[in-house]
PDB file of N, CA and C in Angstrom:
ATOM      1  N   UNK A   1      36.994 -15.948   8.585  1.00  0.00           N
ATOM      2  CA  UNK A   1      36.090 -16.120   7.458  1.00  0.00           C
ATOM      3  C   UNK A   1      36.847 -16.838   6.352  1.00  0.00           C
ATOM      4  N   UNK A   2      36.148 -17.773   5.722  1.00  0.00           N
ATOM      5  CA  UNK A   2      36.780 -18.520   4.646  1.00  0.00           C
ATOM      6  C   UNK A   2      36.970 -17.633   3.434  1.00  0.00           C
ATOM      7  N   UNK A   3      38.023 -17.901   2.685  1.00  0.00           N
ATOM      8  CA  UNK A   3      38.395 -17.105   1.512  1.00  0.00           C
ATOM      9  C   UNK A   3      37.244 -17.048   0.500  1.00  0.00           C
ATOM     10  N   UNK A   4      36.569 -18.172   0.274  1.00  0.00           N
ATOM     11  CA  UNK A   4      35.491 -18.220  -0.712  1.00  0.00           C
ATOM     12  C   UNK A   4      34.324 -17.302  -0.304  1.00  0.00           C
ATOM     13  N   UNK A   5      33.960 -17.329   0.967  1.00  0.00           N
ATOM     14  CA  UNK A   5      32.877 -16.464   1.449  1.00  0.00           C
ATOM     15  C   UNK A   5      33.285 -14.992   1.368  1.00  0.00           C
ATOM     16  N   UNK A   6      34.513 -14.716   1.705  1.00  0.00           N
ATOM     17  CA  UNK A   6      35.013 -13.355   1.638  1.00  0.00           C
ATOM     18  C   UNK A   6      34.939 -12.839   0.198  1.00  0.00           C
ATOM     19  N   UNK A   7      35.341 -13.655  -0.747  1.00  0.00           N
ATOM     20  CA  UNK A   7      35.315 -13.254  -2.155  1.00  0.00           C
ATOM     21  C   UNK A   7      33.883 -12.972  -2.624  1.00  0.00           C
ATOM     22  N   UNK A   8      32.916 -13.795  -2.167  1.00  0.00           N
ATOM     23  CA  UNK A   8      31.519 -13.557  -2.528  1.00  0.00           C
ATOM     24  C   UNK A   8      31.014 -12.251  -1.917  1.00  0.00           C
ATOM     25  N   UNK A   9      31.437 -11.986  -0.703  1.00  0.00           N
ATOM     26  CA  UNK A   9      31.045 -10.750  -0.037  1.00  0.00           C
ATOM     27  C   UNK A   9      31.573  -9.534  -0.793  1.00  0.00           C
ATOM     28  N   UNK A  10      32.816  -9.588  -1.189  1.00  0.00           N
ATOM     29  CA  UNK A  10      33.422  -8.483  -1.940  1.00  0.00           C
ATOM     30  C   UNK A  10      32.706  -8.309  -3.281  1.00  0.00           C
ATOM     31  N   UNK A  11      32.376  -9.416  -3.940  1.00  0.00           N
ATOM     32  CA  UNK A  11      31.663  -9.337  -5.218  1.00  0.00           C
ATOM     33  C   UNK A  11      30.292  -8.693  -5.029  1.00  0.00           C
ATOM     34  N   UNK A  12      29.613  -9.032  -3.944  1.00  0.00           N
ATOM     35  CA  UNK A  12      28.293  -8.447  -3.705  1.00  0.00           C
ATOM     36  C   UNK A  12      28.394  -6.949  -3.431  1.00  0.00           C
ATOM     37  N   UNK A  13      29.489  -6.509  -2.824  1.00  0.00           N
ATOM     38  CA  UNK A  13      29.688  -5.077  -2.591  1.00  0.00           C
ATOM     39  C   UNK A  13      29.828  -4.316  -3.911  1.00  0.00           C
ATOM     40  N   UNK A  14      30.406  -4.956  -4.900  1.00  0.00           N
ATOM     41  CA  UNK A  14      30.496  -4.336  -6.231  1.00  0.00           C
ATOM     42  C   UNK A  14      29.097  -4.170  -6.825  1.00  0.00           C
ATOM     43  N   UNK A  15      28.230  -5.162  -6.600  1.00  0.00           N
ATOM     44  CA  UNK A  15      26.842  -5.050  -7.065  1.00  0.00           C
ATOM     45  C   UNK A  15      26.138  -3.886  -6.376  1.00  0.00           C
ATOM     46  N   UNK A  16      26.338  -3.762  -5.074  1.00  0.00           N
ATOM     47  CA  UNK A  16      25.735  -2.667  -4.315  1.00  0.00           C
ATOM     48  C   UNK A  16      26.207  -1.330  -4.869  1.00  0.00           C
ATOM     49  N   UNK A  17      27.493  -1.224  -5.137  1.00  0.00           N
ATOM     50  CA  UNK A  17      28.049   0.022  -5.672  1.00  0.00           C
ATOM     51  C   UNK A  17      27.375   0.390  -6.992  1.00  0.00           C
ATOM     52  N   UNK A  18      27.149  -0.586  -7.873  1.00  0.00           N
ATOM     53  CA  UNK A  18      26.519  -0.282  -9.156  1.00  0.00           C
ATOM     54  C   UNK A  18      25.065   0.149  -8.963  1.00  0.00           C
ATOM     55  N   UNK A  19      24.352  -0.444  -7.999  1.00  0.00           N
ATOM     56  CA  UNK A  19      22.975  -0.031  -7.725  1.00  0.00           C
ATOM     57  C   UNK A  19      22.936   1.391  -7.181  1.00  0.00           C
ATOM     58  N   UNK A  20      23.847   1.701  -6.289  1.00  0.00           N
ATOM     59  CA  UNK A  20      23.896   3.046  -5.705  1.00  0.00           C
ATOM     60  C   UNK A  20      24.241   4.072  -6.773  1.00  0.00           C
ATOM     61  N   UNK A  21      25.156   3.745  -7.654  1.00  0.00           N
ATOM     62  CA  UNK A  21      25.566   4.672  -8.705  1.00  0.00           C
ATOM     63  C   UNK A  21      24.409   4.982  -9.653  1.00  0.00           C
ATOM     64  N   UNK A  22      23.555   3.991  -9.907  1.00  0.00           N
ATOM     65  CA  UNK A  22      22.429   4.181 -10.827  1.00  0.00           C
ATOM     66  C   UNK A  22      21.254   4.879 -10.156  1.00  0.00           C
ATOM     67  N   UNK A  23      21.245   4.925  -8.858  1.00  0.00           N
ATOM     68  CA  UNK A  23      20.095   5.497  -8.157  1.00  0.00           C
ATOM     69  C   UNK A  23      19.071   4.420  -7.909  1.00  0.00           C
ATOM     70  N   UNK A  24      17.941   4.526  -8.528  1.00  0.00           N
ATOM     71  CA  UNK A  24      16.871   3.546  -8.347  1.00  0.00           C
ATOM     72  C   UNK A  24      17.206   2.273  -9.108  1.00  0.00           C
ATOM     73  N   UNK A  25      16.846   1.145  -8.539  1.00  0.00           N
ATOM     74  CA  UNK A  25      17.101  -0.095  -9.245  1.00  0.00           C
ATOM     75  C   UNK A  25      15.978  -0.378 -10.234  1.00  0.00           C
ATOM     76  N   UNK A  26      16.269  -1.189 -11.241  1.00  0.00           N
ATOM     77  CA  UNK A  26      15.359  -1.403 -12.362  1.00  0.00           C
ATOM     78  C   UNK A  26      14.039  -2.034 -11.957  1.00  0.00           C
ATOM     79  N   UNK A  27      13.991  -2.765 -10.852  1.00  0.00           N
ATOM     80  CA  UNK A  27      12.780  -3.457 -10.468  1.00  0.00           C
ATOM     81  C   UNK A  27      11.744  -2.589  -9.782  1.00  0.00           C
ATOM     82  N   UNK A  28      12.072  -1.372  -9.463  1.00  0.00           N
ATOM     83  CA  UNK A  28      11.143  -0.506  -8.731  1.00  0.00           C
ATOM     84  C   UNK A  28       9.969  -0.089  -9.605  1.00  0.00           C
ATOM     85  N   UNK A  29       8.793  -0.130  -9.029  1.00  0.00           N
ATOM     86  CA  UNK A  29       7.587   0.252  -9.756  1.00  0.00           C
ATOM     87  C   UNK A  29       7.387   1.751  -9.576  1.00  0.00           C
ATOM     88  N   UNK A  30       7.457   2.473 -10.663  1.00  0.00           N
ATOM     89  CA  UNK A  30       7.286   3.923 -10.553  1.00  0.00           C
ATOM     90  C   UNK A  30       6.250   4.452 -11.540  1.00  0.00           C
ATOM     91  N   UNK A  31       5.760   3.590 -12.432  1.00  0.00           N
ATOM     92  CA  UNK A  31       4.821   4.046 -13.450  1.00  0.00           C
ATOM     93  C   UNK A  31       3.403   4.199 -12.925  1.00  0.00           C
ATOM     94  N   UNK A  32       3.096   3.594 -11.801  1.00  0.00           N
ATOM     95  CA  UNK A  32       1.738   3.656 -11.250  1.00  0.00           C
ATOM     96  C   UNK A  32       1.551   4.994 -10.549  1.00  0.00           C
ATOM     97  N   UNK A  33       0.591   5.767 -11.044  1.00  0.00           N
ATOM     98  CA  UNK A  33       0.320   7.080 -10.453  1.00  0.00           C
ATOM     99  C   UNK A  33      -0.921   6.997  -9.568  1.00  0.00           C
ATOM    100  N   UNK A  34      -0.753   7.265  -8.289  1.00  0.00           N
ATOM    101  CA  UNK A  34      -1.860   7.300  -7.344  1.00  0.00           C
ATOM    102  C   UNK A  34      -1.787   8.614  -6.580  1.00  0.00           C
ATOM    103  N   UNK A  35      -2.846   9.369  -6.647  1.00  0.00           N
ATOM    104  CA  UNK A  35      -2.903  10.638  -5.932  1.00  0.00           C
ATOM    105  C   UNK A  35      -3.634  10.439  -4.607  1.00  0.00           C
ATOM    106  N   UNK A  36      -3.532  11.433  -3.740  1.00  0.00           N
ATOM    107  CA  UNK A  36      -4.181  11.363  -2.430  1.00  0.00           C
ATOM    108  C   UNK A  36      -5.688  11.145  -2.569  1.00  0.00           C
ATOM    109  N   UNK A  37      -6.313  11.818  -3.526  1.00  0.00           N
ATOM    110  CA  UNK A  37      -7.757  11.669  -3.730  1.00  0.00           C
ATOM    111  C   UNK A  37      -8.110  10.251  -4.158  1.00  0.00           C
ATOM    112  N   UNK A  38      -7.242   9.616  -4.959  1.00  0.00           N
ATOM    113  CA  UNK A  38      -7.486   8.240  -5.394  1.00  0.00           C
ATOM    114  C   UNK A  38      -7.480   7.291  -4.200  1.00  0.00           C
ATOM    115  N   UNK A  39      -6.531   7.485  -3.308  1.00  0.00           N
ATOM    116  CA  UNK A  39      -6.405   6.610  -2.145  1.00  0.00           C
ATOM    117  C   UNK A  39      -7.590   6.813  -1.202  1.00  0.00           C
ATOM    118  N   UNK A  40      -7.947   8.062  -0.978  1.00  0.00           N
ATOM    119  CA  UNK A  40      -9.098   8.361  -0.102  1.00  0.00           C
ATOM    120  C   UNK A  40     -10.378   7.770  -0.697  1.00  0.00           C
ATOM    121  N   UNK A  41     -10.580   7.944  -2.000  1.00  0.00           N
ATOM    122  CA  UNK A  41     -11.780   7.420  -2.659  1.00  0.00           C
ATOM    123  C   UNK A  41     -11.823   5.892  -2.586  1.00  0.00           C
ATOM    124  N   UNK A  42     -10.674   5.264  -2.747  1.00  0.00           N
ATOM    125  CA  UNK A  42     -10.604   3.807  -2.660  1.00  0.00           C
ATOM    126  C   UNK A  42     -10.995   3.323  -1.267  1.00  0.00           C
ATOM    127  N   UNK A  43     -10.454   3.978  -0.253  1.00  0.00           N
ATOM    128  CA  UNK A  43     -10.795   3.586   1.125  1.00  0.00           C
ATOM    129  C   UNK A  43     -12.273   3.803   1.398  1.00  0.00           C
ATOM    130  N   UNK A  44     -12.807   4.930   0.957  1.00  0.00           N
ATOM    131  CA  UNK A  44     -14.222   5.205   1.176  1.00  0.00           C
ATOM    132  C   UNK A  44     -15.098   4.193   0.438  1.00  0.00           C
ATOM    133  N   UNK A  45     -14.688   3.826  -0.774  1.00  0.00           N
ATOM    134  CA  UNK A  45     -15.425   2.818  -1.538  1.00  0.00           C
ATOM    135  C   UNK A  45     -15.403   1.461  -0.841  1.00  0.00           C
ATOM    136  N   UNK A  46     -14.335   1.209  -0.090  1.00  0.00           N
ATOM    137  CA  UNK A  46     -14.216  -0.065   0.623  1.00  0.00           C
ATOM    138  C   UNK A  46     -15.211  -0.164   1.782  1.00  0.00           C
ATOM    139  N   UNK A  47     -15.693   0.990   2.254  1.00  0.00           N
ATOM    140  CA  UNK A  47     -16.616   1.001   3.379  1.00  0.00           C
ATOM    141  C   UNK A  47     -15.917   0.905   4.721  1.00  0.00           C
ATOM    142  N   UNK A  48     -14.594   1.034   4.725  1.00  0.00           N
ATOM    143  CA  UNK A  48     -13.825   0.930   5.960  1.00  0.00           C
ATOM    144  C   UNK A  48     -13.377   2.305   6.426  1.00  0.00           C
ATOM    145  N   UNK A  49     -13.256   2.458   7.738  1.00  0.00           N
ATOM    146  CA  UNK A  49     -12.683   3.682   8.291  1.00  0.00           C
ATOM    147  C   UNK A  49     -11.176   3.650   8.043  1.00  0.00           C
ATOM    148  N   UNK A  50     -10.513   4.750   8.290  1.00  0.00           N
ATOM    149  CA  UNK A  50      -9.057   4.776   8.137  1.00  0.00           C
ATOM    150  C   UNK A  50      -8.410   3.714   9.017  1.00  0.00           C
ATOM    151  N   UNK A  51      -8.859   3.616  10.247  1.00  0.00           N
ATOM    152  CA  UNK A  51      -8.284   2.658  11.180  1.00  0.00           C
ATOM    153  C   UNK A  51      -8.514   1.221  10.717  1.00  0.00           C
ATOM    154  N   UNK A  52      -9.721   0.915  10.264  1.00  0.00           N
ATOM    155  CA  UNK A  52     -10.034  -0.434   9.784  1.00  0.00           C
ATOM    156  C   UNK A  52      -9.240  -0.774   8.530  1.00  0.00           C
ATOM    157  N   UNK A  53      -9.155   0.177   7.606  1.00  0.00           N
ATOM    158  CA  UNK A  53      -8.431  -0.036   6.350  1.00  0.00           C
ATOM    159  C   UNK A  53      -6.959  -0.293   6.629  1.00  0.00           C
ATOM    160  N   UNK A  54      -6.368   0.526   7.483  1.00  0.00           N
ATOM    161  CA  UNK A  54      -4.954   0.376   7.817  1.00  0.00           C
ATOM    162  C   UNK A  54      -4.698  -0.984   8.456  1.00  0.00           C
ATOM    163  N   UNK A  55      -5.542  -1.380   9.387  1.00  0.00           N
ATOM    164  CA  UNK A  55      -5.360  -2.663  10.071  1.00  0.00           C
ATOM    165  C   UNK A  55      -5.555  -3.837   9.108  1.00  0.00           C
ATOM    166  N   UNK A  56      -6.555  -3.745   8.244  1.00  0.00           N
ATOM    167  CA  UNK A  56      -6.873  -4.845   7.333  1.00  0.00           C
ATOM    168  C   UNK A  56      -5.760  -5.108   6.331  1.00  0.00           C
ATOM    169  N   UNK A  57      -5.062  -4.071   5.918  1.00  0.00           N
ATOM    170  CA  UNK A  57      -4.063  -4.227   4.869  1.00  0.00           C
ATOM    171  C   UNK A  57      -2.627  -4.024   5.355  1.00  0.00           C
ATOM    172  N   UNK A  58      -2.444  -3.982   6.669  1.00  0.00           N
ATOM    173  CA  UNK A  58      -1.094  -3.913   7.214  1.00  0.00           C
ATOM    174  C   UNK A  58      -0.377  -2.600   6.955  1.00  0.00           C
ATOM    175  N   UNK A  59      -1.127  -1.519   6.951  1.00  0.00           N
ATOM    176  CA  UNK A  59      -0.575  -0.186   6.723  1.00  0.00           C
ATOM    177  C   UNK A  59      -0.650   0.557   8.051  1.00  0.00           C
ATOM    178  N   UNK A  60       0.373   1.292   8.398  1.00  0.00           N
ATOM    179  CA  UNK A  60       0.302   2.102   9.605  1.00  0.00           C
ATOM    180  C   UNK A  60      -0.765   3.174   9.445  1.00  0.00           C
ATOM    181  N   UNK A  61      -1.526   3.424  10.505  1.00  0.00           N
ATOM    182  CA  UNK A  61      -2.586   4.423  10.439  1.00  0.00           C
ATOM    183  C   UNK A  61      -2.039   5.789  10.041  1.00  0.00           C
ATOM    184  N   UNK A  62      -0.939   6.189  10.648  1.00  0.00           N
ATOM    185  CA  UNK A  62      -0.327   7.477  10.310  1.00  0.00           C
ATOM    186  C   UNK A  62       0.118   7.534   8.857  1.00  0.00           C
ATOM    187  N   UNK A  63       0.623   6.424   8.347  1.00  0.00           N
ATOM    188  CA  UNK A  63       1.051   6.361   6.951  1.00  0.00           C
ATOM    189  C   UNK A  63      -0.145   6.561   6.030  1.00  0.00           C
ATOM    190  N   UNK A  64      -1.235   5.855   6.303  1.00  0.00           N
ATOM    191  CA  UNK A  64      -2.443   5.997   5.491  1.00  0.00           C
ATOM    192  C   UNK A  64      -2.952   7.430   5.527  1.00  0.00           C
ATOM    193  N   UNK A  65      -2.972   8.034   6.700  1.00  0.00           N
ATOM    194  CA  UNK A  65      -3.447   9.411   6.823  1.00  0.00           C
ATOM    195  C   UNK A  65      -2.568  10.364   6.015  1.00  0.00           C
ATOM    196  N   UNK A  66      -1.265  10.147   6.030  1.00  0.00           N
ATOM    197  CA  UNK A  66      -0.360  10.994   5.236  1.00  0.00           C
ATOM    198  C   UNK A  66      -0.574  10.783   3.746  1.00  0.00           C
ATOM    199  N   UNK A  67      -0.848   9.537   3.335  1.00  0.00           N
ATOM    200  CA  UNK A  67      -1.151   9.276   1.925  1.00  0.00           C
ATOM    201  C   UNK A  67      -2.403  10.039   1.512  1.00  0.00           C
ATOM    202  N   UNK A  68      -3.424   9.989   2.359  1.00  0.00           N
ATOM    203  CA  UNK A  68      -4.696  10.647   2.021  1.00  0.00           C
ATOM    204  C   UNK A  68      -4.583  12.167   2.026  1.00  0.00           C
ATOM    205  N   UNK A  69      -3.683  12.702   2.813  1.00  0.00           N
ATOM    206  CA  UNK A  69      -3.469  14.162   2.829  1.00  0.00           C
ATOM    207  C   UNK A  69      -2.492  14.596   1.748  1.00  0.00           C
ATOM    208  N   UNK A  70      -1.849  13.655   1.095  1.00  0.00           N
ATOM    209  CA  UNK A  70      -0.889  13.984   0.046  1.00  0.00           C
ATOM    210  C   UNK A  70       0.488  14.347   0.571  1.00  0.00           C
ATOM    211  N   UNK A  71       0.742  14.107   1.843  1.00  0.00           N
ATOM    212  CA  UNK A  71       2.045  14.417   2.435  1.00  0.00           C
ATOM    213  C   UNK A  71       3.100  13.370   2.070  1.00  0.00           C
ATOM    214  N   UNK A  72       2.650  12.150   1.844  1.00  0.00           N
ATOM    215  CA  UNK A  72       3.537  11.051   1.462  1.00  0.00           C
ATOM    216  C   UNK A  72       2.871  10.284   0.333  1.00  0.00           C
ATOM    217  N   UNK A  73       3.660   9.482  -0.371  1.00  0.00           N
ATOM    218  CA  UNK A  73       3.128   8.652  -1.447  1.00  0.00           C
ATOM    219  C   UNK A  73       3.523   7.208  -1.216  1.00  0.00           C
ATOM    220  N   UNK A  74       2.613   6.277  -1.501  1.00  0.00           N
ATOM    221  CA  UNK A  74       2.975   4.868  -1.361  1.00  0.00           C
ATOM    222  C   UNK A  74       4.005   4.476  -2.410  1.00  0.00           C
ATOM    223  N   UNK A  75       4.787   3.459  -2.109  1.00  0.00           N
ATOM    224  CA  UNK A  75       5.761   2.996  -3.077  1.00  0.00           C
ATOM    225  C   UNK A  75       5.771   1.480  -3.103  1.00  0.00           C
ATOM    226  N   UNK A  76       6.372   0.922  -4.112  1.00  0.00           N
ATOM    227  CA  UNK A  76       6.572  -0.519  -4.206  1.00  0.00           C
ATOM    228  C   UNK A  76       5.306  -1.340  -4.103  1.00  0.00           C
ATOM    229  N   UNK A  77       5.324  -2.308  -3.200  1.00  0.00           N
ATOM    230  CA  UNK A  77       4.228  -3.255  -3.062  1.00  0.00           C
ATOM    231  C   UNK A  77       2.924  -2.563  -2.663  1.00  0.00           C
ATOM    232  N   UNK A  78       3.004  -1.528  -1.843  1.00  0.00           N
ATOM    233  CA  UNK A  78       1.794  -0.811  -1.425  1.00  0.00           C
ATOM    234  C   UNK A  78       1.107  -0.181  -2.633  1.00  0.00           C
ATOM    235  N   UNK A  79       1.898   0.401  -3.506  1.00  0.00           N
ATOM    236  CA  UNK A  79       1.351   1.022  -4.711  1.00  0.00           C
ATOM    237  C   UNK A  79       0.688  -0.033  -5.601  1.00  0.00           C
ATOM    238  N   UNK A  80       1.329  -1.176  -5.725  1.00  0.00           N
ATOM    239  CA  UNK A  80       0.764  -2.262  -6.532  1.00  0.00           C
ATOM    240  C   UNK A  80      -0.542  -2.768  -5.934  1.00  0.00           C
ATOM    241  N   UNK A  81      -0.561  -2.969  -4.619  1.00  0.00           N
ATOM    242  CA  UNK A  81      -1.777  -3.440  -3.957  1.00  0.00           C
ATOM    243  C   UNK A  81      -2.913  -2.442  -4.139  1.00  0.00           C
ATOM    244  N   UNK A  82      -2.628  -1.169  -3.985  1.00  0.00           N
ATOM    245  CA  UNK A  82      -3.667  -0.149  -4.151  1.00  0.00           C
ATOM    246  C   UNK A  82      -4.213  -0.147  -5.573  1.00  0.00           C
ATOM    247  N   UNK A  83      -3.340  -0.348  -6.563  1.00  0.00           N
ATOM    248  CA  UNK A  83      -3.800  -0.394  -7.955  1.00  0.00           C
ATOM    249  C   UNK A  83      -4.704  -1.606  -8.182  1.00  0.00           C
ATOM    250  N   UNK A  84      -4.320  -2.754  -7.631  1.00  0.00           N
ATOM    251  CA  UNK A  84      -5.156  -3.957  -7.755  1.00  0.00           C
ATOM    252  C   UNK A  84      -6.494  -3.722  -7.062  1.00  0.00           C
ATOM    253  N   UNK A  85      -6.467  -3.048  -5.927  1.00  0.00           N
ATOM    254  CA  UNK A  85      -7.703  -2.753  -5.207  1.00  0.00           C
ATOM    255  C   UNK A  85      -8.605  -1.830  -6.029  1.00  0.00           C
ATOM    256  N   UNK A  86      -8.007  -0.886  -6.744  1.00  0.00           N
ATOM    257  CA  UNK A  86      -8.802  -0.003  -7.597  1.00  0.00           C
ATOM    258  C   UNK A  86      -9.516  -0.804  -8.685  1.00  0.00           C
ATOM    259  N   UNK A  87      -8.836  -1.820  -9.188  1.00  0.00           N
ATOM    260  CA  UNK A  87      -9.369  -2.618 -10.280  1.00  0.00           C
ATOM    261  C   UNK A  87     -10.399  -3.639  -9.812  1.00  0.00           C
ATOM    262  N   UNK A  88     -10.092  -4.344  -8.710  1.00  0.00           N
ATOM    263  CA  UNK A  88     -10.977  -5.421  -8.270  1.00  0.00           C
ATOM    264  C   UNK A  88     -10.949  -5.539  -6.749  1.00  0.00           C
ATOM    265  N   UNK A  89     -11.618  -4.626  -6.098  1.00  0.00           N
ATOM    266  CA  UNK A  89     -11.645  -4.573  -4.639  1.00  0.00           C
ATOM    267  C   UNK A  89     -12.213  -5.851  -4.014  1.00  0.00           C
ATOM    268  N   UNK A  90     -13.316  -6.399  -4.521  1.00  0.00           N
ATOM    269  CA  UNK A  90     -13.839  -7.635  -3.910  1.00  0.00           C
ATOM    270  C   UNK A  90     -12.849  -8.800  -3.961  1.00  0.00           C
ATOM    271  N   UNK A  91     -12.064  -8.886  -5.025  1.00  0.00           N
ATOM    272  CA  UNK A  91     -11.080  -9.969  -5.128  1.00  0.00           C
ATOM    273  C   UNK A  91     -10.007  -9.832  -4.062  1.00  0.00           C
ATOM    274  N   UNK A  92      -9.569  -8.609  -3.802  1.00  0.00           N
ATOM    275  CA  UNK A  92      -8.554  -8.384  -2.764  1.00  0.00           C
ATOM    276  C   UNK A  92      -9.136  -8.713  -1.399  1.00  0.00           C
ATOM    277  N   UNK A  93     -10.359  -8.274  -1.156  1.00  0.00           N
ATOM    278  CA  UNK A  93     -11.025  -8.603   0.112  1.00  0.00           C
ATOM    279  C   UNK A  93     -11.098 -10.116   0.290  1.00  0.00           C
ATOM    280  N   UNK A  94     -11.506 -10.810  -0.760  1.00  0.00           N
ATOM    281  CA  UNK A  94     -11.625 -12.258  -0.687  1.00  0.00           C
ATOM    282  C   UNK A  94     -10.293 -12.949  -0.466  1.00  0.00           C
ATOM    283  N   UNK A  95      -9.272 -12.515  -1.187  1.00  0.00           N
ATOM    284  CA  UNK A  95      -7.951 -13.143  -1.079  1.00  0.00           C
ATOM    285  C   UNK A  95      -7.338 -12.935   0.300  1.00  0.00           C
ATOM    286  N   UNK A  96      -7.593 -11.783   0.905  1.00  0.00           N
ATOM    287  CA  UNK A  96      -7.004 -11.476   2.202  1.00  0.00           C
ATOM    288  C   UNK A  96      -7.936 -11.778   3.372  1.00  0.00           C
ATOM    289  N   UNK A  97      -9.149 -12.208   3.070  1.00  0.00           N
ATOM    290  CA  UNK A  97     -10.095 -12.539   4.135  1.00  0.00           C
ATOM    291  C   UNK A  97     -10.603 -11.322   4.878  1.00  0.00           C
ATOM    292  N   UNK A  98     -10.712 -10.203   4.189  1.00  0.00           N
ATOM    293  CA  UNK A  98     -11.198  -8.961   4.800  1.00  0.00           C
ATOM    294  C   UNK A  98     -12.699  -8.864   4.566  1.00  0.00           C
ATOM    295  N   UNK A  99     -13.443  -8.568   5.613  1.00  0.00           N
ATOM    296  CA  UNK A  99     -14.881  -8.378   5.485  1.00  0.00           C
ATOM    297  C   UNK A  99     -15.181  -6.898   5.613  1.00  0.00           C
ATOM    298  N   UNK A 100     -15.686  -6.290   4.551  1.00  0.00           N
ATOM    299  CA  UNK A 100     -15.978  -4.862   4.646  1.00  0.00           C
ATOM    300  C   UNK A 100     -17.082  -4.607   5.664  1.00  0.00           C
ATOM    301  N   UNK A 101     -16.860  -3.642   6.528  1.00  0.00           N
ATOM    302  CA  UNK A 101     -17.838  -3.302   7.567  1.00  0.00           C
ATOM    303  C   UNK A 101     -18.926  -2.439   6.959  1.00  0.00           C
ATOM    304  N   UNK A 102     -20.098  -2.599   7.464  1.00  0.00           N
ATOM    305  CA  UNK A 102     -21.212  -1.730   7.049  1.00  0.00           C
ATOM    306  C   UNK A 102     -21.005  -0.377   7.706  1.00  0.00           C
ATOM    307  N   UNK A 103     -21.281   0.647   6.959  1.00  0.00           N
ATOM    308  CA  UNK A 103     -21.145   1.992   7.503  1.00  0.00           C
ATOM    309  C   UNK A 103     -22.258   2.262   8.496  1.00  0.00           C
ATOM    310  N   UNK A 104     -21.912   2.704   9.688  1.00  0.00           N
ATOM    311  CA  UNK A 104     -22.908   2.984  10.726  1.00  0.00           C
ATOM    312  C   UNK A 104     -23.735   4.207  10.372  1.00  0.00           C
ATOM    313  N   UNK A 105     -23.143   5.152   9.669  1.00  0.00           N
ATOM    314  CA  UNK A 105     -23.852   6.382   9.330  1.00  0.00           C
ATOM    315  C   UNK A 105     -25.104   6.092   8.514  1.00  0.00           C
ATOM    316  N   UNK A 106     -24.995   5.163   7.575  1.00  0.00           N
ATOM    317  CA  UNK A 106     -26.147   4.831   6.740  1.00  0.00           C
ATOM    318  C   UNK A 106     -27.259   4.234   7.592  1.00  0.00           C
ATOM    319  N   UNK A 107     -26.897   3.376   8.518  1.00  0.00           N
ATOM    320  CA  UNK A 107     -27.898   2.747   9.388  1.00  0.00           C
ATOM    321  C   UNK A 107     -28.584   3.820  10.234  1.00  0.00           C
ATOM    322  N   UNK A 108     -27.816   4.750  10.765  1.00  0.00           N
ATOM    323  CA  UNK A 108     -28.401   5.826  11.574  1.00  0.00           C
ATOM    324  C   UNK A 108     -29.321   6.702  10.737  1.00  0.00           C
ATOM    325  N   UNK A 109     -28.880   7.007   9.507  1.00  0.00           N
ATOM    326  CA  UNK A 109     -29.691   7.839   8.625  1.00  0.00           C
ATOM    327  C   UNK A 109     -31.000   7.137   8.272  1.00  0.00           C
ATOM    328  N   UNK A 110     -30.943   5.838   8.070  1.00  0.00           N
ATOM    329  CA  UNK A 110     -32.148   5.087   7.744  1.00  0.00           C
ATOM    330  C   UNK A 110     -33.115   5.078   8.912  1.00  0.00           C
ATOM    331  N   UNK A 111     -32.585   4.959  10.151  1.00  0.00           N
ATOM    332  CA  UNK A 111     -33.433   4.985  11.331  1.00  0.00           C
ATOM    333  C   UNK A 111     -34.095   6.336  11.505  1.00  0.00           C
ATOM    334  N   UNK A 112     -33.348   7.399  11.237  1.00  0.00           N
ATOM    335  CA  UNK A 112     -33.913   8.756  11.380  1.00  0.00           C
ATOM    336  C   UNK A 112     -35.038   8.994  10.367  1.00  0.00           C
ATOM    337  N   UNK A 113     -34.844   8.471   9.167  1.00  0.00           N
ATOM    338  CA  UNK A 113     -35.841   8.675   8.117  1.00  0.00           C
ATOM    339  C   UNK A 113     -37.125   7.899   8.401  1.00  0.00           C
ATOM    340  N   UNK A 114     -37.027   6.818   9.171  1.00  0.00           N
ATOM    341  CA  UNK A 114     -38.213   5.975   9.437  1.00  0.00           C
ATOM    342  C   UNK A 114     -39.128   6.524  10.483  1.00  0.00           C
TER     343      UNK A 114
END
């Protein structure tokens, strides 16, 4: 390894040490509060099932289920995306090319009532 590259590597290790010593790094988003009920309500408002929601937004199904049960909490980019979705769900759907599915239950209920 060339001396210059080695020196840069050692310098970067000092940066890592300072990040580890501080704990969380300054860029982490932690002010956004999302509870399990908020996430469940957002998904239900979207008209998507858990499986559809997870697939549409690149979230593991098990992860989404744990978020909705309150066993885990989203962090970083997921938390930001969920907040944007709370504010303007149609814009997120449009930007990502997601088409909300019609709920089958409503269609069945309408047929029964007729």
